[in-house]
Amino acid sequence: MKEEMDVREALEMMNRCKHEIQNLRATIAALEPKADAYDKLAIVLGLLPRPSVGMGEDLVWILDKRMRELQPKQEDAA
């Protein structure tokens, strides 16, 4: 048995949906300045210097440095 929605029920449901959408839009509008401020603050904090993470030595940099140090010696010896 299929129940059909009468016009009154449809209008009530549409009205509730309309009010819910309006409430959500108002909430978004109220929160938008806070979200913008948060984004700007995150950008500013990202620009501030931070403590060192204490990373290990870069092996490629060390090898490159040693190669540069040895090259003039090899050229002088030749």
PDB file of N, CA and C in Angstrom:
ATOM      1  N   MET A   1       0.839  -1.166   0.000  1.00  0.00           N
ATOM      2  CA  MET A   1       0.000   0.000   0.000  1.00  0.00           C
ATOM      3  C   MET A   1       0.893   1.241   0.000  1.00  0.00           C
ATOM      4  N   LYS A   2       0.779   2.047  -1.000  1.00  0.00           N
ATOM      5  CA  LYS A   2       1.621   3.219  -1.153  1.00  0.00           C
ATOM      6  C   LYS A   2       0.908   4.439  -0.588  1.00  0.00           C
ATOM      7  N   GLU A   3       1.600   5.093   0.353  1.00  0.00           N
ATOM      8  CA  GLU A   3       1.030   6.315   0.921  1.00  0.00           C
ATOM      9  C   GLU A   3       1.509   7.500   0.120  1.00  0.00           C
ATOM     10  N   GLU A   4       0.622   8.377  -0.196  1.00  0.00           N
ATOM     11  CA  GLU A   4       0.988   9.586  -0.911  1.00  0.00           C
ATOM     12  C   GLU A   4       0.986  10.754   0.043  1.00  0.00           C
ATOM     13  N   MET A   5       1.891  11.647  -0.182  1.00  0.00           N
ATOM     14  CA  MET A   5       2.005  12.831   0.648  1.00  0.00           C
ATOM     15  C   MET A   5       0.974  13.844   0.155  1.00  0.00           C
ATOM     16  N   ASP A   6       0.195  14.349   1.093  1.00  0.00           N
ATOM     17  CA  ASP A   6      -0.757  15.366   0.664  1.00  0.00           C
ATOM     18  C   ASP A   6      -0.074  16.726   0.584  1.00  0.00           C
ATOM     19  N   VAL A   7      -0.742  17.688   0.032  1.00  0.00           N
ATOM     20  CA  VAL A   7      -0.174  19.005  -0.208  1.00  0.00           C
ATOM     21  C   VAL A   7       0.247  19.666   1.097  1.00  0.00           C
ATOM     22  N   ARG A   8      -0.530  19.494   2.149  1.00  0.00           N
ATOM     23  CA  ARG A   8      -0.194  20.098   3.445  1.00  0.00           C
ATOM     24  C   ARG A   8       1.120  19.543   3.976  1.00  0.00           C
ATOM     25  N   GLU A   9       1.318  18.231   3.921  1.00  0.00           N
ATOM     26  CA  GLU A   9       2.561  17.613   4.377  1.00  0.00           C
ATOM     27  C   GLU A   9       3.746  18.078   3.531  1.00  0.00           C
ATOM     28  N   ALA A  10       3.546  18.147   2.240  1.00  0.00           N
ATOM     29  CA  ALA A  10       4.617  18.588   1.346  1.00  0.00           C
ATOM     30  C   ALA A  10       5.021  20.020   1.666  1.00  0.00           C
ATOM     31  N   LEU A  11       4.041  20.886   1.891  1.00  0.00           N
ATOM     32  CA  LEU A  11       4.331  22.278   2.222  1.00  0.00           C
ATOM     33  C   LEU A  11       5.056  22.392   3.561  1.00  0.00           C
ATOM     34  N   GLU A  12       4.655  21.595   4.558  1.00  0.00           N
ATOM     35  CA  GLU A  12       5.331  21.610   5.864  1.00  0.00           C
ATOM     36  C   GLU A  12       6.780  21.152   5.727  1.00  0.00           C
ATOM     37  N   MET A  13       7.001  20.077   4.957  1.00  0.00           N
ATOM     38  CA  MET A  13       8.355  19.565   4.775  1.00  0.00           C
ATOM     39  C   MET A  13       9.211  20.590   4.028  1.00  0.00           C
ATOM     40  N   MET A  14       8.675  21.189   2.989  1.00  0.00           N
ATOM     41  CA  MET A  14       9.422  22.199   2.239  1.00  0.00           C
ATOM     42  C   MET A  14       9.740  23.402   3.112  1.00  0.00           C
ATOM     43  N   ASN A  15       8.799  23.793   3.970  1.00  0.00           N
ATOM     44  CA  ASN A  15       9.012  24.923   4.873  1.00  0.00           C
ATOM     45  C   ASN A  15      10.120  24.614   5.883  1.00  0.00           C
ATOM     46  N   ARG A  16      10.109  23.384   6.431  1.00  0.00           N
ATOM     47  CA  ARG A  16      11.178  22.987   7.361  1.00  0.00           C
ATOM     48  C   ARG A  16      12.534  22.987   6.666  1.00  0.00           C
ATOM     49  N   CYS A  17      12.569  22.464   5.449  1.00  0.00           N
ATOM     50  CA  CYS A  17      13.819  22.448   4.682  1.00  0.00           C
ATOM     51  C   CYS A  17      14.297  23.866   4.407  1.00  0.00           C
ATOM     52  N   LYS A  18      13.388  24.753   4.034  1.00  0.00           N
ATOM     53  CA  LYS A  18      13.733  26.147   3.764  1.00  0.00           C
ATOM     54  C   LYS A  18      14.335  26.801   5.004  1.00  0.00           C
ATOM     55  N   HIS A  19      13.695  26.585   6.171  1.00  0.00           N
ATOM     56  CA  HIS A  19      14.205  27.177   7.414  1.00  0.00           C
ATOM     57  C   HIS A  19      15.565  26.587   7.800  1.00  0.00           C
ATOM     58  N   GLU A  20      15.746  25.313   7.581  1.00  0.00           N
ATOM     59  CA  GLU A  20      17.039  24.678   7.880  1.00  0.00           C
ATOM     60  C   GLU A  20      18.135  25.276   7.007  1.00  0.00           C
ATOM     61  N   ILE A  21      17.852  25.457   5.727  1.00  0.00           N
ATOM     62  CA  ILE A  21      18.833  26.056   4.813  1.00  0.00           C
ATOM     63  C   ILE A  21      19.143  27.485   5.241  1.00  0.00           C
ATOM     64  N   GLN A  22      18.126  28.245   5.607  1.00  0.00           N
ATOM     65  CA  GLN A  22      18.342  29.625   6.046  1.00  0.00           C
ATOM     66  C   GLN A  22      19.180  29.670   7.323  1.00  0.00           C
ATOM     67  N   ASN A  23      18.913  28.747   8.261  1.00  0.00           N
ATOM     68  CA  ASN A  23      19.698  28.693   9.501  1.00  0.00           C
ATOM     69  C   ASN A  23      21.156  28.329   9.218  1.00  0.00           C
ATOM     70  N   LEU A  24      21.361  27.387   8.318  1.00  0.00           N
ATOM     71  CA  LEU A  24      22.733  27.001   7.977  1.00  0.00           C
ATOM     72  C   LEU A  24      23.468  28.144   7.282  1.00  0.00           C
ATOM     73  N   ARG A  25      22.783  28.865   6.413  1.00  0.00           N
ATOM     74  CA  ARG A  25      23.409  30.012   5.757  1.00  0.00           C
ATOM     75  C   ARG A  25      23.778  31.085   6.771  1.00  0.00           C
ATOM     76  N   ALA A  26      22.915  31.312   7.757  1.00  0.00           N
ATOM     77  CA  ALA A  26      23.214  32.308   8.795  1.00  0.00           C
ATOM     78  C   ALA A  26      24.405  31.866   9.637  1.00  0.00           C
ATOM     79  N   THR A  27      24.479  30.573   9.945  1.00  0.00           N
ATOM     80  CA  THR A  27      25.611  30.049  10.711  1.00  0.00           C
ATOM     81  C   THR A  27      26.908  30.212   9.930  1.00  0.00           C
ATOM     82  N   ILE A  28      26.865  29.907   8.650  1.00  0.00           N
ATOM     83  CA  ILE A  28      28.050  30.063   7.799  1.00  0.00           C
ATOM     84  C   ILE A  28      28.467  31.524   7.751  1.00  0.00           C
ATOM     85  N   ALA A  29      27.504  32.422   7.591  1.00  0.00           N
ATOM     86  CA  ALA A  29      27.821  33.852   7.531  1.00  0.00           C
ATOM     87  C   ALA A  29      28.448  34.329   8.835  1.00  0.00           C
ATOM     88  N   ALA A  30      27.968  33.790   9.971  1.00  0.00           N
ATOM     89  CA  ALA A  30      28.523  34.191  11.268  1.00  0.00           C
ATOM     90  C   ALA A  30      29.926  33.631  11.472  1.00  0.00           C
ATOM     91  N   LEU A  31      30.202  32.450  10.938  1.00  0.00           N
ATOM     92  CA  LEU A  31      31.503  31.814  11.128  1.00  0.00           C
ATOM     93  C   LEU A  31      32.539  32.234  10.097  1.00  0.00           C
ATOM     94  N   GLU A  32      32.116  32.806   8.997  1.00  0.00           N
ATOM     95  CA  GLU A  32      33.048  33.166   7.924  1.00  0.00           C
ATOM     96  C   GLU A  32      34.160  34.115   8.374  1.00  0.00           C
ATOM     97  N   PRO A  33      33.869  35.177   9.149  1.00  0.00           N
ATOM     98  CA  PRO A  33      34.973  36.038   9.610  1.00  0.00           C
ATOM     99  C   PRO A  33      35.973  35.299  10.499  1.00  0.00           C
ATOM    100  N   LYS A  34      35.479  34.381  11.310  1.00  0.00           N
ATOM    101  CA  LYS A  34      36.385  33.604  12.162  1.00  0.00           C
ATOM    102  C   LYS A  34      37.271  32.697  11.312  1.00  0.00           C
ATOM    103  N   ALA A  35      36.699  32.100  10.287  1.00  0.00           N
ATOM    104  CA  ALA A  35      37.489  31.237   9.405  1.00  0.00           C
ATOM    105  C   ALA A  35      38.541  32.051   8.664  1.00  0.00           C
ATOM    106  N   ASP A  36      38.183  33.231   8.207  1.00  0.00           N
ATOM    107  CA  ASP A  36      39.158  34.091   7.530  1.00  0.00           C
ATOM    108  C   ASP A  36      40.287  34.492   8.480  1.00  0.00           C
ATOM    109  N   ALA A  37      39.918  34.858   9.709  1.00  0.00           N
ATOM    110  CA  ALA A  37      40.935  35.231  10.698  1.00  0.00           C
ATOM    111  C   ALA A  37      41.857  34.046  10.990  1.00  0.00           C
ATOM    112  N   TYR A  38      41.299  32.861  11.099  1.00  0.00           N
ATOM    113  CA  TYR A  38      42.103  31.665  11.348  1.00  0.00           C
ATOM    114  C   TYR A  38      43.093  31.443  10.205  1.00  0.00           C
ATOM    115  N   ASP A  39      42.612  31.573   8.965  1.00  0.00           N
ATOM    116  CA  ASP A  39      43.498  31.382   7.813  1.00  0.00           C
ATOM    117  C   ASP A  39      44.629  32.403   7.808  1.00  0.00           C
ATOM    118  N   LYS A  40      44.318  33.655   8.093  1.00  0.00           N
ATOM    119  CA  LYS A  40      45.351  34.699   8.117  1.00  0.00           C
ATOM    120  C   LYS A  40      46.346  34.455   9.248  1.00  0.00           C
ATOM    121  N   LEU A  41      45.858  34.031  10.399  1.00  0.00           N
ATOM    122  CA  LEU A  41      46.734  33.739  11.531  1.00  0.00           C
ATOM    123  C   LEU A  41      47.644  32.551  11.211  1.00  0.00           C
ATOM    124  N   ALA A  42      47.116  31.554  10.556  1.00  0.00           N
ATOM    125  CA  ALA A  42      47.929  30.399  10.184  1.00  0.00           C
ATOM    126  C   ALA A  42      49.038  30.811   9.222  1.00  0.00           C
ATOM    127  N   ILE A  43      48.730  31.739   8.315  1.00  0.00           N
ATOM    128  CA  ILE A  43      49.757  32.223   7.390  1.00  0.00           C
ATOM    129  C   ILE A  43      50.849  32.959   8.154  1.00  0.00           C
ATOM    130  N   VAL A  44      50.447  33.840   9.072  1.00  0.00           N
ATOM    131  CA  VAL A  44      51.419  34.622   9.847  1.00  0.00           C
ATOM    132  C   VAL A  44      52.277  33.702  10.707  1.00  0.00           C
ATOM    133  N   LEU A  45      51.648  32.754  11.368  1.00  0.00           N
ATOM    134  CA  LEU A  45      52.414  31.841  12.226  1.00  0.00           C
ATOM    135  C   LEU A  45      53.362  30.972  11.408  1.00  0.00           C
ATOM    136  N   GLY A  46      52.984  30.676  10.186  1.00  0.00           N
ATOM    137  CA  GLY A  46      53.870  29.900   9.313  1.00  0.00           C
ATOM    138  C   GLY A  46      55.110  30.673   8.917  1.00  0.00           C
ATOM    139  N   LEU A  47      55.053  32.001   8.988  1.00  0.00           N
ATOM    140  CA  LEU A  47      56.199  32.828   8.617  1.00  0.00           C
ATOM    141  C   LEU A  47      57.168  33.054   9.771  1.00  0.00           C
ATOM    142  N   LEU A  48      56.733  32.784  10.989  1.00  0.00           N
ATOM    143  CA  LEU A  48      57.595  33.011  12.144  1.00  0.00           C
ATOM    144  C   LEU A  48      58.663  31.925  12.218  1.00  0.00           C
ATOM    145  N   PRO A  49      59.858  32.275  12.697  1.00  0.00           N
ATOM    146  CA  PRO A  49      60.906  31.245  12.831  1.00  0.00           C
ATOM    147  C   PRO A  49      60.506  30.205  13.871  1.00  0.00           C
ATOM    148  N   ARG A  50      60.864  29.002  13.588  1.00  0.00           N
ATOM    149  CA  ARG A  50      60.542  27.899  14.496  1.00  0.00           C
ATOM    150  C   ARG A  50      61.831  27.265  14.987  1.00  0.00           C
ATOM    151  N   PRO A  51      61.774  26.577  16.117  1.00  0.00           N
ATOM    152  CA  PRO A  51      62.971  25.884  16.593  1.00  0.00           C
ATOM    153  C   PRO A  51      63.423  24.816  15.592  1.00  0.00           C
ATOM    154  N   SER A  52      64.704  24.584  15.566  1.00  0.00           N
ATOM    155  CA  SER A  52      65.264  23.603  14.651  1.00  0.00           C
ATOM    156  C   SER A  52      64.727  22.216  14.967  1.00  0.00           C
ATOM    157  N   VAL A  53      64.529  21.435  13.922  1.00  0.00           N
ATOM    158  CA  VAL A  53      64.000  20.090  14.088  1.00  0.00           C
ATOM    159  C   VAL A  53      65.111  19.112  14.427  1.00  0.00           C
ATOM    160  N   GLY A  54      66.348  19.521  14.195  1.00  0.00           N
ATOM    161  CA  GLY A  54      67.486  18.652  14.507  1.00  0.00           C
ATOM    162  C   GLY A  54      67.663  17.544  13.489  1.00  0.00           C
ATOM    163  N   MET A  55      67.665  17.925  12.227  1.00  0.00           N
ATOM    164  CA  MET A  55      67.817  16.927  11.176  1.00  0.00           C
ATOM    165  C   MET A  55      69.268  16.470  11.101  1.00  0.00           C
ATOM    166  N   GLY A  56      69.463  15.285  10.564  1.00  0.00           N
ATOM    167  CA  GLY A  56      70.802  14.738  10.402  1.00  0.00           C
ATOM    168  C   GLY A  56      71.526  15.389   9.243  1.00  0.00           C
ATOM    169  N   GLU A  57      72.784  15.033   9.077  1.00  0.00           N
ATOM    170  CA  GLU A  57      73.597  15.587   7.995  1.00  0.00           C
ATOM    171  C   GLU A  57      73.077  15.095   6.652  1.00  0.00           C
ATOM    172  N   ASP A  58      73.178  15.967   5.651  1.00  0.00           N
ATOM    173  CA  ASP A  58      72.781  15.617   4.293  1.00  0.00           C
ATOM    174  C   ASP A  58      73.975  14.961   3.608  1.00  0.00           C
ATOM    175  N   LEU A  59      73.877  13.685   3.340  1.00  0.00           N
ATOM    176  CA  LEU A  59      74.978  12.921   2.778  1.00  0.00           C
ATOM    177  C   LEU A  59      75.387  13.449   1.408  1.00  0.00           C
ATOM    178  N   VAL A  60      74.421  13.865   0.590  1.00  0.00           N
ATOM    179  CA  VAL A  60      74.745  14.403  -0.728  1.00  0.00           C
ATOM    180  C   VAL A  60      75.552  15.685  -0.588  1.00  0.00           C
ATOM    181  N   TRP A  61      75.166  16.544   0.354  1.00  0.00           N
ATOM    182  CA  TRP A  61      75.897  17.793   0.562  1.00  0.00           C
ATOM    183  C   TRP A  61      77.328  17.508   1.014  1.00  0.00           C
ATOM    184  N   ILE A  62      77.492  16.542   1.923  1.00  0.00           N
ATOM    185  CA  ILE A  62      78.831  16.185   2.411  1.00  0.00           C
ATOM    186  C   ILE A  62      79.690  15.650   1.272  1.00  0.00           C
ATOM    187  N   LEU A  63      79.127  14.760   0.443  1.00  0.00           N
ATOM    188  CA  LEU A  63      79.885  14.212  -0.685  1.00  0.00           C
ATOM    189  C   LEU A  63      80.264  15.309  -1.674  1.00  0.00           C
ATOM    190  N   ASP A  64      79.313  16.196  -1.955  1.00  0.00           N
ATOM    191  CA  ASP A  64      79.597  17.293  -2.881  1.00  0.00           C
ATOM    192  C   ASP A  64      80.712  18.188  -2.341  1.00  0.00           C
ATOM    193  N   LYS A  65      80.674  18.477  -1.055  1.00  0.00           N
ATOM    194  CA  LYS A  65      81.708  19.314  -0.426  1.00  0.00           C
ATOM    195  C   LYS A  65      83.076  18.639  -0.527  1.00  0.00           C
ATOM    196  N   ARG A  66      83.138  17.357  -0.214  1.00  0.00           N
ATOM    197  CA  ARG A  66      84.414  16.630  -0.277  1.00  0.00           C
ATOM    198  C   ARG A  66      84.940  16.571  -1.714  1.00  0.00           C
ATOM    199  N   MET A  67      84.040  16.401  -2.682  1.00  0.00           N
ATOM    200  CA  MET A  67      84.466  16.362  -4.079  1.00  0.00           C
ATOM    201  C   MET A  67      85.057  17.704  -4.494  1.00  0.00           C
ATOM    202  N   ARG A  68      84.438  18.805  -4.061  1.00  0.00           N
ATOM    203  CA  ARG A  68      84.965  20.133  -4.378  1.00  0.00           C
ATOM    204  C   ARG A  68      86.334  20.333  -3.729  1.00  0.00           C
ATOM    205  N   GLU A  69      86.502  19.818  -2.512  1.00  0.00           N
ATOM    206  CA  GLU A  69      87.790  19.966  -1.819  1.00  0.00           C
ATOM    207  C   GLU A  69      88.895  19.165  -2.507  1.00  0.00           C
ATOM    208  N   LEU A  70      88.554  18.002  -3.059  1.00  0.00           N
ATOM    209  CA  LEU A  70      89.550  17.151  -3.689  1.00  0.00           C
ATOM    210  C   LEU A  70      89.878  17.571  -5.118  1.00  0.00           C
ATOM    211  N   GLN A  71      88.953  18.172  -5.831  1.00  0.00           N
ATOM    212  CA  GLN A  71      89.189  18.531  -7.237  1.00  0.00           C
ATOM    213  C   GLN A  71      90.386  19.461  -7.424  1.00  0.00           C
ATOM    214  N   PRO A  72      90.534  20.538  -6.692  1.00  0.00           N
ATOM    215  CA  PRO A  72      91.718  21.390  -6.926  1.00  0.00           C
ATOM    216  C   PRO A  72      93.013  20.633  -6.661  1.00  0.00           C
ATOM    217  N   LYS A  73      93.043  19.739  -5.692  1.00  0.00           N
ATOM    218  CA  LYS A  73      94.239  18.971  -5.403  1.00  0.00           C
ATOM    219  C   LYS A  73      94.615  18.077  -6.564  1.00  0.00           C
ATOM    220  N   GLN A  74      93.627  17.456  -7.206  1.00  0.00           N
ATOM    221  CA  GLN A  74      93.909  16.597  -8.334  1.00  0.00           C
ATOM    222  C   GLN A  74      94.391  17.397  -9.528  1.00  0.00           C
ATOM    223  N   GLU A  75      93.835  18.606  -9.745  1.00  0.00           N
ATOM    224  CA  GLU A  75      94.248  19.434 -10.861  1.00  0.00           C
ATOM    225  C   GLU A  75      95.676  19.951 -10.658  1.00  0.00           C
ATOM    226  N   ASP A  76      96.014  20.290  -9.396  1.00  0.00           N
ATOM    227  CA  ASP A  76      97.373  20.760  -9.094  1.00  0.00           C
ATOM    228  C   ASP A  76      98.396  19.662  -9.298  1.00  0.00           C
ATOM    229  N   ALA A  77      98.035  18.434  -8.965  1.00  0.00           N
ATOM    230  CA  ALA A  77      98.965  17.318  -9.075  1.00  0.00           C
ATOM    231  C   ALA A  77      99.225  16.954 -10.533  1.00  0.00           C
ATOM    232  N   ALA A  78      98.285  17.272 -11.400  1.00  0.00           N
ATOM    233  CA  ALA A  78      98.430  16.877 -12.819  1.00  0.00           C
ATOM    234  C   ALA A  78      99.354  17.752 -13.592  1.00  0.00           C
TER     235      ALA A  78
END
